[in-house]
Amino acid sequence: MYIDKSGKQSGHQLILENTDNLNSEREKLFEIAIAELKKYQKCKPGEVLGKKVITENYVTVVFD
């Protein structure tokens, strides 16, 4: 996911690391996870030398 200069989230991407047959279930759960992440609509943008920049962030979500 990316956080833009205004603090808005975008570019959510699912990266599957398991090689079992549950990927379709994980894709369904991914939509739920994105909905939960979007509840935090305003994030703090990154800063470099006092200027706001777009940042790439990785969020690990584990479903048991």
C-alpha atoms as a PDB file:
ATOM      1  CA  MET A   1       0.000   0.000   0.000  1.00  0.00           C
ATOM      2  CA  TYR A   2       1.102   3.540  -0.597  1.00  0.00           C
ATOM      3  CA  ILE A   3       0.535   6.628   1.538  1.00  0.00           C
ATOM      4  CA  ASP A   4       0.451   9.772  -0.587  1.00  0.00           C
ATOM      5  CA  LYS A   5       1.554  13.274   0.407  1.00  0.00           C
ATOM      6  CA  SER A   6      -1.876  14.051   1.855  1.00  0.00           C
ATOM      7  CA  GLY A   7      -1.972  10.847   3.959  1.00  0.00           C
ATOM      8  CA  LYS A   8      -4.394   8.913   1.735  1.00  0.00           C
ATOM      9  CA  GLN A   9      -3.947   5.138   1.189  1.00  0.00           C
ATOM     10  CA  SER A  10      -3.824   3.582  -2.279  1.00  0.00           C
ATOM     11  CA  GLY A  11      -2.403   0.666  -4.234  1.00  0.00           C
ATOM     12  CA  HIS A  12      -3.323  -2.204  -1.926  1.00  0.00           C
ATOM     13  CA  GLN A  13      -1.806  -5.439  -3.202  1.00  0.00           C
ATOM     14  CA  LEU A  14      -2.123  -9.040  -2.077  1.00  0.00           C
ATOM     15  CA  ILE A  15       1.131 -10.990  -1.942  1.00  0.00           C
ATOM     16  CA  LEU A  16       0.569 -14.691  -1.361  1.00  0.00           C
ATOM     17  CA  GLU A  17       3.458 -16.570   0.207  1.00  0.00           C
ATOM     18  CA  ASN A  18       1.807 -19.924   0.845  1.00  0.00           C
ATOM     19  CA  THR A  19       1.683 -22.632  -1.797  1.00  0.00           C
ATOM     20  CA  ASP A  20      -1.356 -24.482  -0.484  1.00  0.00           C
ATOM     21  CA  ASN A  21      -4.805 -24.555  -2.109  1.00  0.00           C
ATOM     22  CA  LEU A  22      -6.334 -21.773   0.003  1.00  0.00           C
ATOM     23  CA  ASN A  23      -5.524 -18.802  -2.238  1.00  0.00           C
ATOM     24  CA  SER A  24      -9.164 -18.223  -3.250  1.00  0.00           C
ATOM     25  CA  GLU A  25     -10.126 -18.027   0.433  1.00  0.00           C
ATOM     26  CA  ARG A  26      -7.253 -15.631   1.118  1.00  0.00           C
ATOM     27  CA  GLU A  27      -8.388 -13.403  -1.747  1.00  0.00           C
ATOM     28  CA  LYS A  28     -11.843 -13.154  -0.132  1.00  0.00           C
ATOM     29  CA  LEU A  29     -10.304 -12.325   3.230  1.00  0.00           C
ATOM     30  CA  PHE A  30      -8.055  -9.736   1.529  1.00  0.00           C
ATOM     31  CA  GLU A  31     -11.146  -7.673   0.681  1.00  0.00           C
ATOM     32  CA  ILE A  32     -12.169  -7.734   4.350  1.00  0.00           C
ATOM     33  CA  ALA A  33      -8.665  -6.722   5.437  1.00  0.00           C
ATOM     34  CA  ILE A  34      -8.654  -3.789   2.970  1.00  0.00           C
ATOM     35  CA  ALA A  35     -12.012  -2.621   4.309  1.00  0.00           C
ATOM     36  CA  GLU A  36     -10.563  -2.623   7.827  1.00  0.00           C
ATOM     37  CA  LEU A  37      -7.416  -0.759   6.732  1.00  0.00           C
ATOM     38  CA  LYS A  38      -9.519   1.885   5.002  1.00  0.00           C
ATOM     39  CA  LYS A  39     -11.114   2.733   8.350  1.00  0.00           C
ATOM     40  CA  TYR A  40      -7.806   4.456   9.070  1.00  0.00           C
ATOM     41  CA  GLN A  41      -8.401   6.903   6.246  1.00  0.00           C
ATOM     42  CA  LYS A  42      -5.904   9.498   7.353  1.00  0.00           C
ATOM     43  CA  CYS A  43      -2.312   8.364   7.731  1.00  0.00           C
ATOM     44  CA  LYS A  44       0.708  10.530   8.373  1.00  0.00           C
ATOM     45  CA  PRO A  45       2.681  11.045   5.143  1.00  0.00           C
ATOM     46  CA  GLY A  46       6.401  10.438   5.085  1.00  0.00           C
ATOM     47  CA  GLU A  47       8.852  13.338   5.194  1.00  0.00           C
ATOM     48  CA  VAL A  48      12.326  13.765   3.748  1.00  0.00           C
ATOM     49  CA  LEU A  49      14.223  16.946   4.552  1.00  0.00           C
ATOM     50  CA  GLY A  50      10.989  18.547   5.746  1.00  0.00           C
ATOM     51  CA  LYS A  51       9.036  17.802   2.542  1.00  0.00           C
ATOM     52  CA  LYS A  52       6.131  15.371   2.380  1.00  0.00           C
ATOM     53  CA  VAL A  53       6.754  12.325   0.171  1.00  0.00           C
ATOM     54  CA  ILE A  54       4.822   9.271  -1.020  1.00  0.00           C
ATOM     55  CA  THR A  55       5.798   6.164   0.936  1.00  0.00           C
ATOM     56  CA  GLU A  56       5.364   2.461   0.336  1.00  0.00           C
ATOM     57  CA  ASN A  57       4.191   0.501   3.360  1.00  0.00           C
ATOM     58  CA  TYR A  58       3.904  -3.233   3.950  1.00  0.00           C
ATOM     59  CA  VAL A  59       1.220  -4.546   6.276  1.00  0.00           C
ATOM     60  CA  THR A  60       1.284  -8.199   7.275  1.00  0.00           C
ATOM     61  CA  VAL A  61      -2.112  -9.722   7.941  1.00  0.00           C
ATOM     62  CA  VAL A  62      -2.264 -13.256   9.296  1.00  0.00           C
ATOM     63  CA  PHE A  63      -5.464 -15.291   9.179  1.00  0.00           C
ATOM     64  CA  ASP A  64      -5.581 -18.293  11.510  1.00  0.00           C
END
